[in-house]
Protein backbone atom coordinates (compact mmCIF):
# COMPACT_ATOMS: atom_id res chain seq x y z
CA UNK A 1 5.76 45.22 -73.12
CA UNK A 2 3.00 42.60 -73.03
CA UNK A 3 4.18 39.08 -73.88
CA UNK A 4 1.62 36.56 -75.16
CA UNK A 5 3.23 33.11 -74.97
CA UNK A 6 1.60 30.02 -76.46
CA UNK A 7 3.02 26.72 -75.25
CA UNK A 8 3.77 23.82 -77.56
CA UNK A 9 6.48 21.66 -79.07
CA UNK A 10 8.38 22.56 -82.26
CA UNK A 11 8.39 20.20 -85.21
CA UNK A 12 5.91 18.86 -87.72
CA UNK A 13 5.13 15.71 -85.74
CA UNK A 14 3.59 17.76 -82.90
CA UNK A 15 1.64 20.33 -84.95
CA UNK A 16 -1.83 18.81 -84.54
CA UNK A 17 -1.56 17.39 -81.03
CA UNK A 18 -3.44 18.57 -77.91
CA UNK A 19 -0.18 19.84 -76.40
CA UNK A 20 0.18 22.39 -79.22
CA UNK A 21 -3.03 24.36 -78.76
CA UNK A 22 -0.97 27.27 -77.43
CA UNK A 23 0.99 27.44 -80.68
CA UNK A 24 -2.25 27.31 -82.70
CA UNK A 25 -3.72 30.24 -80.77
CA UNK A 26 -0.57 32.29 -81.39
CA UNK A 27 -0.86 31.48 -85.11
CA UNK A 28 -4.49 32.65 -85.07
CA UNK A 29 -3.61 35.86 -83.23
CA UNK A 30 -0.85 36.49 -85.77
CA UNK A 31 -3.37 36.07 -88.58
CA UNK A 32 -5.95 38.33 -86.90
CA UNK A 33 -3.45 41.09 -86.11
CA UNK A 34 -1.26 40.82 -89.22
CA UNK A 35 1.88 39.93 -87.25
CA UNK A 36 4.61 37.68 -88.63
CA UNK A 37 5.87 35.24 -85.97
CA UNK A 38 9.17 34.29 -87.57
CA UNK A 39 11.84 36.18 -85.66
CA UNK A 40 14.34 33.91 -83.88
CA UNK A 41 15.16 35.26 -80.45
CA UNK A 42 15.63 33.86 -76.93
CA UNK A 43 15.04 30.27 -78.10
CA UNK A 44 11.67 31.31 -79.50
CA UNK A 45 9.85 32.33 -82.65
CA UNK A 46 8.25 35.70 -82.04
CA UNK A 47 6.57 38.64 -83.69
CA UNK A 48 6.12 42.21 -82.48
CA UNK A 49 3.05 44.19 -83.43
CA UNK A 50 -0.01 46.06 -82.26
CA UNK A 51 -3.59 45.36 -81.27
CA UNK A 52 -5.26 48.71 -81.53
CA UNK A 53 -2.78 51.20 -80.13
CA UNK A 54 -1.19 48.72 -77.71
CA UNK A 55 2.04 46.90 -78.52
CA UNK A 56 2.53 43.21 -77.82
CA UNK A 57 4.86 40.31 -78.58
CA UNK A 58 3.51 36.96 -79.78
CA UNK A 59 5.78 34.09 -78.73
CA UNK A 60 6.18 30.39 -79.54
CA UNK A 61 9.03 28.93 -77.41
CA UNK A 62 11.18 26.45 -79.34
CA UNK A 63 12.73 24.76 -76.29
CA UNK A 64 10.21 21.90 -76.18
CA UNK A 65 7.50 22.00 -73.56
CA UNK A 66 9.42 20.96 -70.46
CA UNK A 67 11.92 23.81 -70.85
CA UNK A 68 9.45 26.56 -71.75
CA UNK A 69 10.42 28.59 -68.70
CA UNK A 70 13.93 29.10 -70.00
CA UNK A 71 12.65 30.96 -73.05
CA UNK A 72 10.08 32.93 -71.05
CA UNK A 73 12.68 34.11 -68.54
CA UNK A 74 14.99 35.28 -71.33
CA UNK A 75 12.14 37.17 -72.99
CA UNK A 76 11.04 38.91 -69.80
CA UNK A 77 14.63 40.06 -69.31
CA UNK A 78 15.01 41.08 -72.95
CA UNK A 79 11.87 43.23 -72.93
CA UNK A 80 12.40 44.46 -69.36
CA UNK A 81 8.99 43.08 -68.44
CA UNK A 82 7.59 41.57 -65.23
CA UNK A 83 5.43 38.46 -64.74
CA UNK A 84 2.37 40.76 -64.66
CA UNK A 85 3.16 41.59 -68.30
CA UNK A 86 2.91 37.90 -69.24
CA UNK A 87 -0.03 35.87 -70.55
CA UNK A 88 0.42 32.15 -71.20
CA UNK A 89 -1.90 30.11 -73.45
CA UNK A 90 -1.79 26.46 -72.43
CA UNK A 91 -3.63 23.17 -72.94
CA UNK A 92 -5.27 21.68 -69.84
CA UNK A 93 -6.20 18.03 -69.39
CA UNK A 94 -8.23 18.88 -66.27
CA UNK A 95 -10.81 20.74 -68.40
CA UNK A 96 -13.15 19.11 -70.94
CA UNK A 97 -12.45 19.62 -74.61
CA UNK A 98 -13.63 23.02 -75.82
CA UNK A 99 -13.82 24.74 -72.43
CA UNK A 100 -11.76 27.85 -71.65
CA UNK A 101 -10.66 28.92 -68.19
CA UNK A 102 -8.98 32.27 -67.68
CA UNK A 103 -7.07 33.10 -64.52
CA UNK A 104 -5.20 36.21 -63.46
CA UNK A 105 -2.67 34.15 -61.48
CA UNK A 106 -2.38 30.70 -59.94
CA UNK A 107 -0.32 27.56 -59.51
CA UNK A 108 1.28 25.56 -62.31
CA UNK A 109 -0.89 22.52 -61.65
CA UNK A 110 0.30 19.33 -63.34
CA UNK A 111 1.38 20.90 -66.64
CA UNK A 112 5.13 20.54 -67.19
CA UNK A 113 5.39 23.65 -69.35
CA UNK A 114 3.70 25.76 -66.71
CA UNK A 115 5.86 24.22 -63.99
CA UNK A 116 8.96 25.18 -65.96
CA UNK A 117 7.78 28.79 -66.30
CA UNK A 118 6.92 29.12 -62.61
CA UNK A 119 10.29 27.67 -61.59
CA UNK A 120 12.35 29.80 -63.98
CA UNK A 121 10.67 33.17 -63.36
CA UNK A 122 10.00 32.37 -59.68
CA UNK A 123 6.45 33.68 -59.82
CA UNK A 124 2.87 32.52 -60.31
CA UNK A 125 1.71 36.11 -60.74
CA UNK A 126 0.89 35.99 -64.46
CA UNK A 127 -2.34 35.50 -66.38
CA UNK A 128 -3.15 32.34 -68.29
CA UNK A 129 -5.72 31.12 -70.81
CA UNK A 130 -6.28 27.42 -70.17
CA UNK A 131 -7.75 25.40 -73.03
CA UNK A 132 -9.51 22.19 -72.12
CA UNK A 133 -8.38 19.03 -73.95
CA UNK A 134 -9.93 16.25 -71.84
CA UNK A 135 -11.86 13.84 -74.10
CA UNK A 136 -15.14 12.12 -73.23
CA UNK A 137 -13.33 8.92 -72.22
CA UNK A 138 -10.80 8.01 -69.55
CA UNK A 139 -7.18 8.87 -70.37
CA UNK A 140 -4.88 6.15 -69.06
CA UNK A 141 -1.59 7.58 -70.35
CA UNK A 142 -1.65 11.38 -70.19
CA UNK A 143 1.80 11.86 -71.74
CA UNK A 144 0.90 9.71 -74.72
CA UNK A 145 -2.47 11.41 -75.16
CA UNK A 146 -1.20 15.00 -75.25
CA UNK A 147 1.47 14.08 -77.83
CA UNK A 148 -0.83 12.05 -80.10
CA UNK A 149 -2.69 13.52 -83.09
CA UNK A 150 -6.07 15.06 -82.36
CA UNK A 151 -9.03 12.77 -82.96
CA UNK A 152 -11.60 13.27 -85.70
CA UNK A 153 -14.17 14.82 -83.35
CA UNK A 154 -11.68 17.33 -81.96
CA UNK A 155 -10.43 18.31 -85.40
CA UNK A 156 -14.01 19.07 -86.41
CA UNK A 157 -14.33 21.79 -83.77
CA UNK A 158 -10.70 22.86 -83.68
CA UNK A 159 -10.92 26.07 -85.69
CA UNK A 160 -13.76 27.43 -83.57
CA UNK A 161 -11.97 26.51 -80.35
CA UNK A 162 -8.72 28.14 -81.43
CA UNK A 163 -10.57 31.28 -82.54
CA UNK A 164 -12.30 31.52 -79.15
CA UNK A 165 -8.94 31.14 -77.46
CA UNK A 166 -7.49 34.00 -79.52
CA UNK A 167 -10.52 36.18 -78.79
CA UNK A 168 -10.14 35.47 -75.07
CA UNK A 169 -6.51 36.59 -75.21
CA UNK A 170 -7.52 39.88 -76.85
CA UNK A 171 -10.26 40.60 -74.32
CA UNK A 172 -7.79 39.82 -71.53
CA UNK A 173 -5.22 42.10 -73.17
CA UNK A 174 -7.53 45.07 -73.69
CA UNK A 175 -10.14 44.78 -70.93
CA UNK A 176 -8.44 42.80 -68.17
CA UNK A 177 -9.02 39.49 -66.43
CA UNK A 178 -12.47 40.14 -64.88
CA UNK A 179 -14.03 40.97 -68.26
CA UNK A 180 -12.35 38.00 -69.95
CA UNK A 181 -13.39 35.60 -67.20
CA UNK A 182 -17.00 36.80 -67.32
CA UNK A 183 -17.14 36.31 -71.07
CA UNK A 184 -15.21 33.08 -71.60
CA UNK A 185 -15.19 31.01 -68.39
CA UNK A 186 -18.69 29.59 -68.90
CA UNK A 187 -18.82 25.85 -69.68
CA UNK A 188 -19.02 24.84 -73.32
CA UNK A 189 -21.60 22.29 -74.48
CA UNK A 190 -20.27 18.90 -75.40
CA UNK A 191 -20.57 18.24 -79.17
CA UNK A 192 -23.27 15.59 -78.72
CA UNK A 193 -25.37 17.88 -76.52
CA UNK A 194 -24.98 20.79 -78.92
CA UNK A 195 -26.03 18.63 -81.85
CA UNK A 196 -29.09 17.38 -79.99
CA UNK A 197 -30.13 20.94 -79.22
CA UNK A 198 -29.85 21.90 -82.88
CA UNK A 199 -32.01 18.96 -83.94
CA UNK A 200 -34.69 19.84 -81.38
CA UNK A 201 -34.77 23.47 -82.54
CA UNK A 202 -35.49 22.31 -86.10
CA UNK A 203 -38.29 19.90 -85.13
């Protein structure tokens, strides 16, 4: 069974924060695939469904970010799956806002949710869709930033970003990591640059 896990924190206060992009992508996948993510199991909200003829589980751990690995380990055991059956969708402060980076495996980096998963399942051999959240200014307090509401500029492009994240997950799921990396790992234009290009094309 393929497990698609979006990382985030439960509760209304965290819904529109950078740290909850993983949850938002799961919500978008649920909408696209007609899957209800409401089942309480293994300290998570999950939904089981299909994309094409392939079955998958959409997961939103409810353990809070730093304990995400506990839920993931339980789910791998419950579905008799291995780390290679796991894809994690996660925010990444090392990437600029709007940029996606897909990897077939790799270290946890500085993300506490990813560290928890790696420690609990004792493996880095799982795919991940990293979603860039770094703003165009210096972040002095990373913990405060990722748990603060998204700014006006980010909210303006949020729907498109989340949709691209969901599409990347589906390409990864159906076609594999090389195809997904080729399609989605290219840098994304900063909003100001994109706007300038649009103005020049109209002149």
